N, C-alpha and C. Protein backbone atom coordinates (compact mmCIF):
# COMPACT_ATOMS: atom_id res chain seq x y z
N UNK A 1 -22.68 -13.74 4.56
CA UNK A 1 -21.36 -13.02 4.77
C UNK A 1 -20.04 -13.57 4.49
N UNK A 2 -19.39 -13.44 3.84
CA UNK A 2 -17.65 -14.54 3.99
C UNK A 2 -16.78 -13.27 4.85
N UNK A 3 -16.42 -14.10 5.61
CA UNK A 3 -15.27 -13.97 6.74
C UNK A 3 -14.27 -14.38 6.14
N UNK A 4 -13.76 -12.91 6.37
CA UNK A 4 -11.79 -12.48 6.31
C UNK A 4 -11.31 -12.13 7.09
N UNK A 5 -10.16 -13.59 6.32
CA UNK A 5 -9.22 -13.12 7.38
C UNK A 5 -7.75 -11.60 7.12
N UNK A 6 -7.38 -11.09 7.98
CA UNK A 6 -6.30 -9.32 8.11
C UNK A 6 -5.64 -10.38 8.92
N UNK A 7 -4.05 -9.86 8.15
CA UNK A 7 -2.73 -10.55 8.71
C UNK A 7 -3.00 -8.99 8.95
N UNK A 8 -2.62 -9.05 10.33
CA UNK A 8 -1.61 -6.80 9.70
C UNK A 8 -0.54 -6.85 11.31
N UNK A 9 0.11 -5.79 11.76
CA UNK A 9 0.76 -5.59 12.40
C UNK A 9 2.36 -5.06 11.42
N UNK A 10 1.63 -4.83 10.47
CA UNK A 10 2.58 -4.62 9.99
C UNK A 10 3.13 -3.20 9.59
N UNK A 11 2.51 -2.41 9.79
CA UNK A 11 2.21 -1.54 10.68
C UNK A 11 0.60 -2.35 11.08
N UNK A 12 0.56 -1.50 12.44
CA UNK A 12 -0.47 -1.49 12.59
C UNK A 12 -1.19 -0.47 12.93
N UNK A 13 -0.40 0.88 12.38
CA UNK A 13 -1.08 2.22 11.62
C UNK A 13 -1.97 1.48 10.87
N UNK A 14 -1.61 0.92 9.59
CA UNK A 14 -2.17 0.82 7.75
C UNK A 14 -2.86 -0.57 9.12
N UNK A 15 -2.67 -1.19 9.58
CA UNK A 15 -4.18 -1.93 9.75
C UNK A 15 -5.63 -1.33 10.67
N UNK A 16 -5.72 -0.79 11.30
CA UNK A 16 -6.50 0.32 11.64
C UNK A 16 -7.55 0.77 10.23
N UNK A 17 -6.15 1.78 9.43
CA UNK A 17 -7.24 1.25 8.81
C UNK A 17 -7.84 0.77 7.49
N UNK A 18 -7.16 -0.51 7.29
CA UNK A 18 -8.20 -1.85 6.56
C UNK A 18 -9.51 -1.78 7.62
N UNK A 19 -8.81 -2.04 8.35
CA UNK A 19 -10.00 -2.73 9.63
C UNK A 19 -11.24 -1.17 9.34
N UNK A 20 -10.81 -0.01 10.15
CA UNK A 20 -11.51 1.31 9.36
C UNK A 20 -12.61 1.16 8.16
N UNK A 21 -11.38 0.89 6.77
CA UNK A 21 -12.58 1.50 5.54
C UNK A 21 -13.19 -0.47 5.33
N UNK A 22 -12.32 -1.44 5.60
CA UNK A 22 -13.66 -2.62 5.48
C UNK A 22 -15.12 -2.91 6.18
N UNK A 23 -14.66 -1.51 7.34
CA UNK A 23 -15.99 -1.70 8.22
C UNK A 23 -17.11 -0.62 7.42
N UNK A 24 -16.04 0.58 7.24
CA UNK A 24 -17.47 1.27 7.05
C UNK A 24 -17.71 0.91 5.17
N UNK A 25 -16.67 0.52 4.23
CA UNK A 25 -17.70 0.37 2.99
C UNK A 25 -19.34 -1.15 3.41
N UNK A 26 -18.84 -1.94 3.96
CA UNK A 26 -19.82 -2.59 4.77
C UNK A 26 -21.31 -2.64 4.95
N UNK A 27 -20.87 -1.13 5.75
CA UNK A 27 -21.73 -0.46 6.36
C UNK A 27 -22.10 0.20 6.11
N UNK A 28 -21.58 0.84 5.01
CA UNK A 28 -22.33 1.86 3.96
C UNK A 28 -22.97 1.14 2.84
N UNK A 29 -22.80 -0.19 1.83
CA UNK A 29 -23.44 -0.88 1.40
C UNK A 29 -24.79 -1.32 2.23
N UNK A 30 -24.46 -1.66 3.41
CA UNK A 30 -26.14 -3.14 4.00
C UNK A 30 -26.40 -1.75 5.07
N UNK A 31 -26.19 -0.86 5.27
CA UNK A 31 -27.17 0.65 5.55
C UNK A 31 -26.96 -0.18 8.32
N UNK A 32 -27.31 0.56 8.26
CA UNK A 32 -27.92 -0.02 9.85
C UNK A 32 -26.93 -0.23 10.91
N UNK A 33 -27.17 -1.47 11.04
CA UNK A 33 -25.89 -1.80 12.22
C UNK A 33 -24.75 -2.33 11.59
N UNK A 34 -24.66 -3.32 10.39
CA UNK A 34 -24.19 -4.47 10.11
C UNK A 34 -22.31 -3.34 9.46
N UNK A 35 -21.89 -4.39 9.92
CA UNK A 35 -20.49 -4.60 9.85
C UNK A 35 -19.62 -5.86 9.95
N UNK A 36 -18.51 -5.66 9.24
CA UNK A 36 -17.78 -7.30 8.38
C UNK A 36 -17.62 -7.68 9.12
N UNK A 37 -17.75 -9.63 8.73
CA UNK A 37 -17.18 -10.22 9.26
C UNK A 37 -14.97 -10.73 9.14
N UNK A 38 -14.69 -10.23 10.57
CA UNK A 38 -13.19 -10.44 10.30
C UNK A 38 -12.43 -11.62 11.66
N UNK A 39 -11.53 -12.09 11.27
CA UNK A 39 -10.88 -12.36 12.67
C UNK A 39 -9.25 -11.51 11.92
N UNK A 40 -8.17 -10.96 12.88
CA UNK A 40 -7.15 -10.72 12.63
C UNK A 40 -6.06 -11.57 13.85
N UNK A 41 -5.33 -11.20 13.00
CA UNK A 41 -3.80 -12.03 13.24
C UNK A 41 -2.59 -10.64 13.03
N UNK A 42 -2.79 -9.89 13.81
CA UNK A 42 -1.52 -9.23 14.18
C UNK A 42 0.39 -9.68 14.58
N UNK A 43 0.50 -8.59 14.01
CA UNK A 43 2.52 -8.94 14.07
C UNK A 43 2.74 -8.45 14.97
N UNK A 44 4.01 -8.57 15.49
CA UNK A 44 4.68 -7.92 16.36
C UNK A 44 5.60 -7.43 15.34
N UNK A 45 5.30 -5.47 14.69
CA UNK A 45 6.37 -5.39 13.81
C UNK A 45 7.75 -5.85 13.79
N UNK A 46 8.18 -5.57 15.19
CA UNK A 46 9.42 -5.32 15.11
C UNK A 46 9.51 -6.83 14.51
N UNK A 47 9.70 -7.88 15.39
CA UNK A 47 10.09 -9.66 14.19
C UNK A 47 9.85 -9.13 12.91
N UNK A 48 9.09 -8.70 12.33
CA UNK A 48 9.36 -8.30 11.34
C UNK A 48 9.99 -7.35 10.37
N UNK A 49 10.36 -6.13 10.69
CA UNK A 49 10.83 -5.05 10.71
C UNK A 49 12.90 -6.31 10.22
N UNK A 50 13.32 -7.21 11.78
CA UNK A 50 14.64 -7.56 11.90
C UNK A 50 14.53 -8.43 10.48
N UNK A 51 13.64 -9.49 9.47
CA UNK A 51 14.05 -10.08 8.73
C UNK A 51 13.91 -8.37 7.54
N UNK A 52 13.13 -7.72 7.35
CA UNK A 52 13.43 -6.44 6.38
C UNK A 52 14.62 -5.98 6.74
N UNK A 53 14.83 -6.01 7.32
CA UNK A 53 16.47 -5.63 7.53
C UNK A 53 17.52 -6.49 6.69
N UNK A 54 17.45 -7.16 6.88
CA UNK A 54 18.47 -8.67 6.73
C UNK A 54 18.04 -8.96 4.83
N UNK A 55 17.18 -8.67 5.35
CA UNK A 55 16.78 -9.86 4.39
C UNK A 55 16.29 -10.51 3.23
N UNK A 56 15.56 -10.46 4.52
CA UNK A 56 14.81 -12.25 4.78
C UNK A 56 13.82 -12.26 4.66
N UNK A 57 13.41 -11.91 3.19
CA UNK A 57 11.79 -11.80 3.06
C UNK A 57 10.99 -14.11 3.18
N UNK A 58 12.33 -15.02 2.68
CA UNK A 58 11.46 -15.78 2.84
C UNK A 58 11.39 -16.21 4.09
N UNK A 59 12.09 -16.29 5.69
CA UNK A 59 11.42 -15.46 6.66
C UNK A 59 10.31 -14.89 7.06
N UNK A 60 9.50 -14.04 6.54
CA UNK A 60 8.55 -13.16 6.54
C UNK A 60 7.68 -13.68 5.93
N UNK A 61 7.60 -13.98 4.61
CA UNK A 61 6.47 -15.09 3.49
C UNK A 61 5.60 -16.61 4.97
N UNK A 62 7.36 -17.16 4.82
CA UNK A 62 6.66 -18.57 5.70
C UNK A 62 5.95 -17.82 7.34
N UNK A 63 6.43 -16.63 8.12
CA UNK A 63 5.26 -16.00 9.17
C UNK A 63 3.97 -15.28 8.74
N UNK A 64 4.13 -15.23 7.44
CA UNK A 64 2.76 -14.74 7.05
C UNK A 64 1.64 -15.94 6.02
N UNK A 65 2.93 -16.95 6.03
CA UNK A 65 1.34 -17.61 5.62
C UNK A 65 1.34 -18.87 6.83
N UNK A 66 1.37 -18.86 8.07
CA UNK A 66 2.08 -19.40 8.95
C UNK A 66 0.82 -18.82 9.42
N UNK A 67 0.15 -17.16 9.60
CA UNK A 67 -0.57 -16.92 9.77
C UNK A 67 -1.82 -17.48 9.23
N UNK A 68 -1.57 -17.46 7.95
CA UNK A 68 -2.69 -17.20 7.14
C UNK A 68 -4.08 -18.68 6.88
N UNK A 69 -3.21 -19.33 7.15
CA UNK A 69 -3.34 -21.30 8.21
C UNK A 69 -4.10 -21.02 9.08
N UNK A 70 -3.39 -20.46 9.81
CA UNK A 70 -4.49 -19.96 11.48
C UNK A 70 -5.49 -19.36 11.19
N UNK A 71 -5.86 -18.04 10.26
CA UNK A 71 -7.25 -17.72 10.18
C UNK A 71 -7.64 -18.49 8.88
N UNK A 72 -7.82 -19.18 8.36
CA UNK A 72 -7.88 -20.51 7.60
C UNK A 72 -8.72 -21.26 8.73
N UNK A 73 -7.56 -21.73 9.75
CA UNK A 73 -8.34 -22.73 10.62
C UNK A 73 -9.17 -22.26 10.71
N UNK A 74 -9.15 -21.35 10.94
CA UNK A 74 -10.38 -20.35 12.68
C UNK A 74 -12.06 -20.33 11.82
N UNK A 75 -11.75 -20.53 10.93
CA UNK A 75 -13.10 -19.85 9.71
C UNK A 75 -12.48 -18.78 8.21
N UNK A 76 -11.53 -18.21 8.72
CA UNK A 76 -11.80 -17.98 7.79
C UNK A 76 -11.95 -17.71 6.27
N UNK A 77 -12.47 -16.63 4.61
CA UNK A 77 -12.71 -17.76 3.63
C UNK A 77 -12.04 -17.03 2.81
N UNK A 78 -10.88 -15.66 3.35
CA UNK A 78 -10.32 -14.94 2.62
C UNK A 78 -9.22 -14.64 3.44
N UNK A 79 -8.50 -13.50 2.64
CA UNK A 79 -6.76 -13.28 3.38
C UNK A 79 -6.83 -11.78 2.88
N UNK A 80 -6.91 -9.88 3.60
CA UNK A 80 -6.43 -9.22 3.23
C UNK A 80 -5.08 -9.67 3.69
N UNK A 81 -3.84 -8.92 3.36
CA UNK A 81 -2.95 -7.66 4.14
C UNK A 81 -2.45 -7.09 3.88
N UNK A 82 -2.46 -6.42 5.59
CA UNK A 82 -3.59 -5.41 6.10
C UNK A 82 -2.23 -3.71 6.02
N UNK A 83 -0.94 -4.16 4.21
CA UNK A 83 0.30 -3.33 4.44
C UNK A 83 0.50 -3.49 2.96
N UNK A 84 0.96 -2.25 1.97
CA UNK A 84 1.61 -2.39 1.29
C UNK A 84 2.47 -3.61 0.86
N UNK A 85 3.35 -3.28 1.58
CA UNK A 85 4.58 -3.69 1.15
C UNK A 85 4.05 -5.31 1.67
N UNK A 86 3.86 -6.06 1.88
CA UNK A 86 2.94 -7.49 2.80
C UNK A 86 3.02 -7.92 0.95
N UNK A 87 2.44 -7.77 -0.07
CA UNK A 87 1.44 -7.45 -1.72
C UNK A 87 3.25 -7.96 -2.37
N UNK A 88 4.49 -7.79 -2.07
CA UNK A 88 4.88 -8.26 -2.55
C UNK A 88 5.69 -9.65 -2.67
N UNK A 89 4.58 -10.37 -1.14
CA UNK A 89 4.49 -11.93 -1.59
C UNK A 89 3.21 -12.18 -1.80
N UNK A 90 2.63 -11.72 -1.81
CA UNK A 90 1.33 -11.93 -2.37
C UNK A 90 0.12 -13.02 -2.67
N UNK A 91 1.61 -13.28 -3.35
CA UNK A 91 0.61 -14.20 -4.47
C UNK A 91 1.40 -16.18 -3.85
N UNK A 92 2.39 -15.94 -3.24
CA UNK A 92 3.12 -17.00 -2.29
C UNK A 92 2.84 -16.97 -1.31
N UNK A 93 2.05 -16.22 -0.69
CA UNK A 93 0.85 -16.03 0.54
C UNK A 93 -0.55 -16.90 -0.14
N UNK A 94 -0.86 -16.69 -0.84
CA UNK A 94 -1.89 -16.74 -1.95
C UNK A 94 -1.69 -18.44 -1.63
N UNK A 95 -0.66 -19.16 -2.18
CA UNK A 95 -0.79 -20.33 -2.27
C UNK A 95 -0.09 -21.24 -1.38
N UNK A 96 0.25 -20.70 -0.52
CA UNK A 96 1.20 -21.25 1.03
C UNK A 96 -0.99 -21.27 1.89
N UNK A 97 -1.02 -20.90 2.21
CA UNK A 97 -2.46 -20.60 2.67
C UNK A 97 -3.78 -21.08 2.17
N UNK A 98 -4.30 -21.61 0.92
CA UNK A 98 -4.58 -22.37 -0.30
C UNK A 98 -6.34 -21.10 0.09
N UNK A 99 -5.57 -19.71 0.54
CA UNK A 99 -6.80 -19.18 0.52
C UNK A 99 -7.10 -18.16 -0.34
N UNK A 100 -8.09 -17.18 -0.87
CA UNK A 100 -7.43 -15.97 -1.64
C UNK A 100 -7.01 -15.20 -1.02
N UNK A 101 -6.67 -14.46 -1.83
CA UNK A 101 -5.41 -13.73 -1.09
C UNK A 101 -5.66 -12.05 -1.93
N UNK A 102 -6.88 -11.48 -0.93
CA UNK A 102 -6.86 -9.91 -1.75
C UNK A 102 -5.98 -8.66 -2.29
N UNK A 103 -5.44 -8.62 -3.07
CA UNK A 103 -4.28 -7.92 -3.56
C UNK A 103 -4.76 -6.75 -4.05
N UNK A 104 -4.19 -5.56 -2.98
CA UNK A 104 -4.55 -4.11 -3.27
C UNK A 104 -4.03 -3.46 -4.80
N UNK A 105 -3.22 -4.49 -5.63
CA UNK A 105 -2.35 -3.83 -6.67
C UNK A 105 -3.96 -4.48 -7.87
N UNK A 106 -3.87 -5.32 -7.71
CA UNK A 106 -4.84 -5.98 -8.32
C UNK A 106 -6.99 -5.41 -8.47
N UNK A 107 -6.33 -4.33 -7.10
CA UNK A 107 -8.44 -3.82 -7.01
C UNK A 107 -7.34 -2.49 -7.38
N UNK A 108 -6.96 -1.80 -7.02
CA UNK A 108 -6.58 -0.60 -7.82
C UNK A 108 -6.82 -0.67 -8.70
N UNK A 109 -5.86 -1.62 -9.74
CA UNK A 109 -5.82 -2.11 -11.23
C UNK A 109 -7.78 -2.10 -11.75
N UNK A 110 -8.67 -2.57 -11.16
CA UNK A 110 -9.65 -3.28 -11.30
C UNK A 110 -10.51 -1.89 -11.66
N UNK A 111 -10.43 -0.72 -10.70
CA UNK A 111 -11.47 0.31 -10.10
C UNK A 111 -10.32 1.08 -11.30
N UNK A 112 -9.53 1.04 -11.95
CA UNK A 112 -8.86 2.43 -12.52
C UNK A 112 -9.42 2.15 -13.56
N UNK A 113 -9.21 0.83 -14.60
CA UNK A 113 -9.50 0.04 -15.63
C UNK A 113 -11.63 0.63 -15.62
N UNK A 114 -12.03 0.50 -14.44
CA UNK A 114 -13.36 0.31 -14.48
C UNK A 114 -13.75 1.94 -14.42
N UNK A 115 -13.22 2.53 -14.51
CA UNK A 115 -13.43 3.85 -14.80
C UNK A 115 -12.72 5.08 -16.17
N UNK A 116 -12.52 3.43 -17.09
CA UNK A 116 -11.19 3.98 -18.08
C UNK A 116 -10.59 5.15 -18.22
N UNK A 117 -9.77 4.35 -17.00
CA UNK A 117 -8.56 5.28 -16.80
C UNK A 117 -7.27 5.44 -17.60
N UNK A 118 -6.78 5.59 -18.56
CA UNK A 118 -5.91 5.34 -19.12
C UNK A 118 -3.78 6.19 -18.53
N UNK A 119 -4.37 6.97 -18.35
CA UNK A 119 -3.05 7.24 -17.11
C UNK A 119 -3.35 7.93 -15.75
N UNK A 120 -2.79 7.78 -14.16
CA UNK A 120 -3.03 7.80 -12.96
C UNK A 120 -1.38 7.82 -12.12
N UNK A 121 -2.06 8.38 -11.54
CA UNK A 121 -0.65 8.69 -10.68
C UNK A 121 -0.84 8.13 -9.22
N UNK A 122 0.14 7.91 -8.81
CA UNK A 122 -0.46 6.82 -6.97
C UNK A 122 0.71 7.41 -6.16
N UNK A 123 0.09 7.66 -5.04
CA UNK A 123 1.03 7.73 -3.85
C UNK A 123 1.40 7.04 -3.15
N UNK A 124 3.02 6.92 -3.02
CA UNK A 124 2.83 5.55 -2.02
C UNK A 124 4.28 6.10 -0.56
N UNK A 125 4.51 5.35 -0.33
CA UNK A 125 5.71 5.45 0.92
C UNK A 125 6.45 4.83 0.10
N UNK A 126 8.05 5.54 0.42
CA UNK A 126 9.23 4.67 -0.38
C UNK A 126 9.34 3.19 0.71
N UNK A 127 9.45 1.79 0.54
CA UNK A 127 10.36 1.60 1.12
C UNK A 127 12.10 0.94 1.73
N UNK A 128 12.52 1.61 2.55
CA UNK A 128 14.04 1.57 3.29
C UNK A 128 13.80 0.67 3.51
N UNK A 129 15.26 -0.34 3.02
CA UNK A 129 15.10 -1.76 4.00
C UNK A 129 16.17 -1.23 5.78
N UNK A 130 15.43 -1.72 7.01
CA UNK A 130 16.14 -1.64 7.73
C UNK A 130 15.59 0.16 8.80
N UNK A 131 14.52 1.10 8.24
CA UNK A 131 14.53 2.33 8.34
C UNK A 131 12.59 2.00 8.45
N UNK A 132 12.35 2.40 9.10
CA UNK A 132 11.22 2.56 10.04
C UNK A 132 10.84 4.05 10.65
N UNK A 133 10.03 4.71 10.22
CA UNK A 133 9.71 5.38 10.75
C UNK A 133 7.87 5.41 11.68
N UNK A 134 7.77 6.50 12.07
CA UNK A 134 5.87 6.60 12.90
C UNK A 134 5.94 7.30 13.39
N UNK A 135 4.85 8.02 13.03
CA UNK A 135 4.19 9.84 13.67
C UNK A 135 3.09 9.66 13.76
């Protein structure tokens, strides 16, 4: 089994979902007490929010790359960004980290195509600079 590096904390709420669904998927496939081999870097979201409020994606990208390099150096063989918005920088992160970044957009497109669908509806949250709501 390969080790995945999770970059989370953007927000911790979505990080929980990624962690849970990855482990559930591994357990569904392998059964028993099997779970995923994961390493986690969790940001303090306040630092990321400051970057977003000033539209400083370069700083966020650099932070993600540094976190990914740390995960790579700890044994991760691929990276998962545990928030949809961060996928805006997935290609840059992959290049900077030197590991594959499993991109939610690519994975979603693959599932859509595997089912032969030509029309889909996707629901999501809208990102607003400087405005964050947690429930």
